[in-house]
C-alpha atoms as a PDB file:
ATOM      1  CA  LYS A   1     -54.975  71.491 -32.031  1.00  0.00           C
ATOM      2  CA  ARG A   2     -57.091  74.245 -33.164  1.00  0.00           C
ATOM      3  CA  GLN A   3     -54.234  76.790 -31.944  1.00  0.00           C
ATOM      4  CA  ARG A   4     -51.262  74.846 -34.117  1.00  0.00           C
ATOM      5  CA  GLN A   5     -54.024  74.298 -37.138  1.00  0.00           C
ATOM      6  CA  ALA A   6     -54.155  78.433 -37.351  1.00  0.00           C
ATOM      7  CA  HIS A   7     -50.826  78.662 -37.720  1.00  0.00           C
ATOM      8  CA  HIS A   8     -50.805  76.070 -40.578  1.00  0.00           C
ATOM      9  CA  LEU A   9     -49.605  73.411 -38.862  1.00  0.00           C
ATOM     10  CA  ASN A  10     -50.405  69.565 -39.582  1.00  0.00           C
ATOM     11  CA  VAL A  11     -51.246  67.459 -36.630  1.00  0.00           C
ATOM     12  CA  ILE A  12     -50.220  63.793 -37.109  1.00  0.00           C
ATOM     13  CA  TYR A  13     -51.837  61.562 -33.991  1.00  0.00           C
ATOM     14  CA  ARG A  14     -50.387  58.741 -32.677  1.00  0.00           C
ATOM     15  CA  ASP A  15     -52.714  56.056 -34.825  1.00  0.00           C
ATOM     16  CA  GLY A  16     -50.662  55.852 -37.889  1.00  0.00           C
ATOM     17  CA  ALA A  17     -48.469  58.071 -36.985  1.00  0.00           C
ATOM     18  CA  PHE A  18     -45.124  56.412 -37.917  1.00  0.00           C
ATOM     19  CA  LYS A  19     -45.908  56.184 -41.197  1.00  0.00           C
ATOM     20  CA  GLU A  20     -47.467  59.549 -41.776  1.00  0.00           C
ATOM     21  CA  ALA A  21     -44.244  60.733 -39.912  1.00  0.00           C
ATOM     22  CA  ILE A  22     -41.864  59.118 -42.045  1.00  0.00           C
ATOM     23  CA  ARG A  23     -43.928  60.518 -45.158  1.00  0.00           C
ATOM     24  CA  ALA A  24     -43.741  63.980 -43.960  1.00  0.00           C
ATOM     25  CA  LEU A  25     -39.817  63.667 -43.312  1.00  0.00           C
ATOM     26  CA  LYS A  26     -39.094  62.380 -46.948  1.00  0.00           C
ATOM     27  CA  GLU A  27     -41.012  64.946 -48.366  1.00  0.00           C
ATOM     28  CA  ASN A  28     -38.587  67.518 -46.460  1.00  0.00           C
ATOM     29  CA  GLN A  29     -41.240  68.537 -43.967  1.00  0.00           C
ATOM     30  CA  ILE A  30     -40.507  69.709 -40.285  1.00  0.00           C
ATOM     31  CA  LEU A  31     -41.638  66.996 -37.891  1.00  0.00           C
ATOM     32  CA  GLY A  32     -41.959  68.343 -34.105  1.00  0.00           C
ATOM     33  CA  VAL A  33     -41.744  65.644 -31.558  1.00  0.00           C
ATOM     34  CA  ILE A  34     -42.097  66.166 -27.950  1.00  0.00           C
ATOM     35  CA  PRO A  35     -39.778  63.656 -26.288  1.00  0.00           C
ATOM     36  CA  ASP A  36     -39.295  64.694 -22.860  1.00  0.00           C
ATOM     37  CA  GLN A  37     -41.830  62.882 -21.402  1.00  0.00           C
ATOM     38  CA  ASP A  38     -42.312  59.007 -19.722  1.00  0.00           C
ATOM     39  CA  MET A  39     -44.996  57.572 -22.532  1.00  0.00           C
ATOM     40  CA  ASP A  40     -45.037  54.006 -22.183  1.00  0.00           C
ATOM     41  CA  SER A  41     -47.654  54.051 -24.735  1.00  0.00           C
ATOM     42  CA  VAL A  42     -44.659  54.763 -27.443  1.00  0.00           C
ATOM     43  CA  GLU A  43     -41.635  52.407 -28.061  1.00  0.00           C
ATOM     44  CA  GLY A  44     -38.756  53.715 -25.912  1.00  0.00           C
ATOM     45  CA  ILE A  45     -35.714  52.882 -23.966  1.00  0.00           C
ATOM     46  CA  PHE A  46     -33.957  53.792 -20.694  1.00  0.00           C
ATOM     47  CA  VAL A  47     -30.836  56.380 -20.764  1.00  0.00           C
ATOM     48  CA  ASN A  48     -29.674  58.615 -18.297  1.00  0.00           C
ATOM     49  CA  PHE A  49     -31.613  61.975 -17.521  1.00  0.00           C
ATOM     50  CA  PHE A  50     -30.569  63.914 -14.392  1.00  0.00           C
ATOM     51  CA  GLY A  51     -28.578  60.910 -13.133  1.00  0.00           C
ATOM     52  CA  ARG A  52     -31.403  58.788 -13.363  1.00  0.00           C
ATOM     53  CA  PRO A  53     -32.506  55.762 -15.908  1.00  0.00           C
ATOM     54  CA  ALA A  54     -35.611  57.584 -17.596  1.00  0.00           C
ATOM     55  CA  TYR A  55     -37.856  55.958 -20.231  1.00  0.00           C
ATOM     56  CA  THR A  56     -37.329  57.629 -23.154  1.00  0.00           C
ATOM     57  CA  PRO A  57     -39.058  57.711 -26.926  1.00  0.00           C
ATOM     58  CA  ILE A  58     -36.977  56.414 -29.371  1.00  0.00           C
ATOM     59  CA  GLY A  59     -38.871  57.790 -32.395  1.00  0.00           C
ATOM     60  CA  PRO A  60     -36.551  60.901 -33.317  1.00  0.00           C
ATOM     61  CA  ALA A  61     -33.745  58.488 -33.407  1.00  0.00           C
ATOM     62  CA  LEU A  62     -35.660  56.293 -35.543  1.00  0.00           C
ATOM     63  CA  PHE A  63     -36.791  58.777 -37.843  1.00  0.00           C
ATOM     64  CA  ALA A  64     -33.238  60.520 -38.220  1.00  0.00           C
ATOM     65  CA  ILE A  65     -31.673  56.722 -39.006  1.00  0.00           C
ATOM     66  CA  LEU A  66     -34.456  55.920 -41.376  1.00  0.00           C
ATOM     67  CA  THR A  67     -34.770  59.033 -43.208  1.00  0.00           C
ATOM     68  CA  GLY A  68     -31.273  60.849 -42.745  1.00  0.00           C
ATOM     69  CA  ALA A  69     -33.185  64.054 -41.198  1.00  0.00           C
ATOM     70  CA  PRO A  70     -31.540  66.111 -38.676  1.00  0.00           C
ATOM     71  CA  ILE A  71     -32.351  66.125 -35.316  1.00  0.00           C
ATOM     72  CA  ILE A  72     -32.743  69.912 -34.231  1.00  0.00           C
ATOM     73  CA  SER A  73     -33.459  70.736 -30.802  1.00  0.00           C
ATOM     74  CA  CYS A  74     -35.882  73.754 -30.191  1.00  0.00           C
ATOM     75  CA  PHE A  75     -36.851  75.370 -26.517  1.00  0.00           C
ATOM     76  CA  ILE A  76     -39.155  77.952 -25.773  1.00  0.00           C
ATOM     77  CA  VAL A  77     -38.898  79.997 -22.451  1.00  0.00           C
ATOM     78  CA  HIS A  78     -40.954  82.982 -21.049  1.00  0.00           C
ATOM     79  CA  SER A  79     -39.592  85.985 -21.552  1.00  0.00           C
ATOM     80  CA  GLY A  80     -41.359  89.187 -20.341  1.00  0.00           C
ATOM     81  CA  ARG A  81     -44.611  89.315 -21.997  1.00  0.00           C
ATOM     82  CA  GLY A  82     -43.754  86.854 -24.614  1.00  0.00           C
ATOM     83  CA  HIS A  83     -41.396  84.045 -25.504  1.00  0.00           C
ATOM     84  CA  LYS A  84     -38.141  83.442 -26.758  1.00  0.00           C
ATOM     85  CA  ILE A  85     -37.127  80.498 -28.890  1.00  0.00           C
ATOM     86  CA  PHE A  86     -34.211  78.670 -28.850  1.00  0.00           C
ATOM     87  CA  VAL A  87     -32.847  76.684 -31.657  1.00  0.00           C
ATOM     88  CA  GLU A  88     -29.601  74.472 -31.099  1.00  0.00           C
ATOM     89  CA  GLY A  89     -27.825  73.361 -34.471  1.00  0.00           C
ATOM     90  CA  PRO A  90     -28.264  69.336 -35.899  1.00  0.00           C
ATOM     91  CA  LEU A  91     -27.321  66.860 -33.224  1.00  0.00           C
ATOM     92  CA  GLU A  92     -24.274  65.478 -34.245  1.00  0.00           C
ATOM     93  CA  PHE A  93     -23.964  61.554 -34.390  1.00  0.00           C
ATOM     94  CA  ARG A  94     -22.250  58.723 -36.478  1.00  0.00           C
ATOM     95  CA  LEU A  95     -24.317  55.717 -37.739  1.00  0.00           C
ATOM     96  CA  THR A  96     -22.686  52.475 -36.848  1.00  0.00           C
ATOM     97  CA  GLY A  97     -24.724  50.049 -38.668  1.00  0.00           C
ATOM     98  CA  ASP A  98     -25.821  48.706 -35.196  1.00  0.00           C
ATOM     99  CA  ARG A  99     -29.573  49.939 -35.207  1.00  0.00           C
ATOM    100  CA  GLU A 100     -29.701  49.186 -31.533  1.00  0.00           C
ATOM    101  CA  ARG A 101     -26.277  50.893 -30.525  1.00  0.00           C
ATOM    102  CA  ASP A 102     -27.452  53.781 -32.754  1.00  0.00           C
ATOM    103  CA  ILE A 103     -30.503  54.324 -31.209  1.00  0.00           C
ATOM    104  CA  SER A 104     -29.512  54.356 -27.777  1.00  0.00           C
ATOM    105  CA  GLU A 105     -26.722  56.722 -28.436  1.00  0.00           C
ATOM    106  CA  ILE A 106     -28.859  59.341 -30.389  1.00  0.00           C
ATOM    107  CA  THR A 107     -31.749  58.811 -27.976  1.00  0.00           C
ATOM    108  CA  GLN A 108     -29.235  59.712 -25.287  1.00  0.00           C
ATOM    109  CA  ARG A 109     -27.648  62.653 -26.992  1.00  0.00           C
ATOM    110  CA  TYR A 110     -30.987  64.470 -27.559  1.00  0.00           C
ATOM    111  CA  THR A 111     -31.756  63.667 -23.587  1.00  0.00           C
ATOM    112  CA  ASN A 112     -28.486  65.447 -23.012  1.00  0.00           C
ATOM    113  CA  ARG A 113     -29.599  68.654 -24.681  1.00  0.00           C
ATOM    114  CA  ILE A 114     -33.112  68.396 -23.126  1.00  0.00           C
ATOM    115  CA  GLU A 115     -31.116  68.289 -19.529  1.00  0.00           C
ATOM    116  CA  GLY A 116     -29.274  70.999 -20.459  1.00  0.00           C
ATOM    117  CA  ALA A 117     -32.187  73.276 -21.540  1.00  0.00           C
ATOM    118  CA  ILE A 118     -33.733  72.236 -18.399  1.00  0.00           C
ATOM    119  CA  ARG A 119     -30.779  73.176 -16.040  1.00  0.00           C
ATOM    120  CA  ARG A 120     -30.678  76.447 -17.992  1.00  0.00           C
ATOM    121  CA  TYR A 121     -34.386  77.183 -17.328  1.00  0.00           C
ATOM    122  CA  PRO A 122     -35.884  75.017 -14.718  1.00  0.00           C
ATOM    123  CA  SER A 123     -38.897  76.930 -14.401  1.00  0.00           C
ATOM    124  CA  GLU A 124     -40.050  76.200 -18.076  1.00  0.00           C
ATOM    125  CA  TRP A 125     -40.139  72.139 -17.511  1.00  0.00           C
ATOM    126  CA  VAL A 126     -43.261  70.524 -16.653  1.00  0.00           C
ATOM    127  CA  TRP A 127     -42.017  69.319 -13.275  1.00  0.00           C
ATOM    128  CA  PHE A 128     -45.314  67.769 -12.480  1.00  0.00           C
ATOM    129  CA  HIS A 129     -45.139  64.889 -14.961  1.00  0.00           C
ATOM    130  CA  LYS A 130     -43.918  61.835 -13.715  1.00  0.00           C
ATOM    131  CA  ARG A 131     -40.662  61.689 -15.550  1.00  0.00           C
ATOM    132  CA  TRP A 132     -39.598  58.170 -14.177  1.00  0.00           C
ATOM    133  CA  LYS A 133     -42.970  56.515 -13.819  1.00  0.00           C
ATOM    134  CA  THR A 134     -41.595  53.415 -15.952  1.00  0.00           C
ATOM    135  CA  GLN A 135     -38.868  51.695 -14.101  1.00  0.00           C
ATOM    136  CA  PRO A 136     -36.381  49.121 -15.677  1.00  0.00           C
ATOM    137  CA  LEU A 137     -37.060  45.443 -14.567  1.00  0.00           C
END
């Protein structure tokens, strides 16, 4: 938290985070979300991740649907003594009006981007995290 605030980044905590995040996006602020972990304490759905169903947060999809904000993927990798940041253009998707279908499609698309980055730089991902902890019923 201290390091983020030292760089003038506002930290939003989970309690009341949804409303605060929506407000930030409507004010054209940048919202960073880390949706690559199995967090059963947030709303999610199962999408394909490395050929297996993985419980994945739907926050980014909901934020995009509700505010029209683009989803931009950013990945940081080690490079010598420092780091490189890779930024991918806006995620392409078309809203159908079927919210459940749209959330599923968008969540799968950003998960595909995460998987692609991990395939390119596997040593950079937090492999000790139990990504497939939550199982479908």
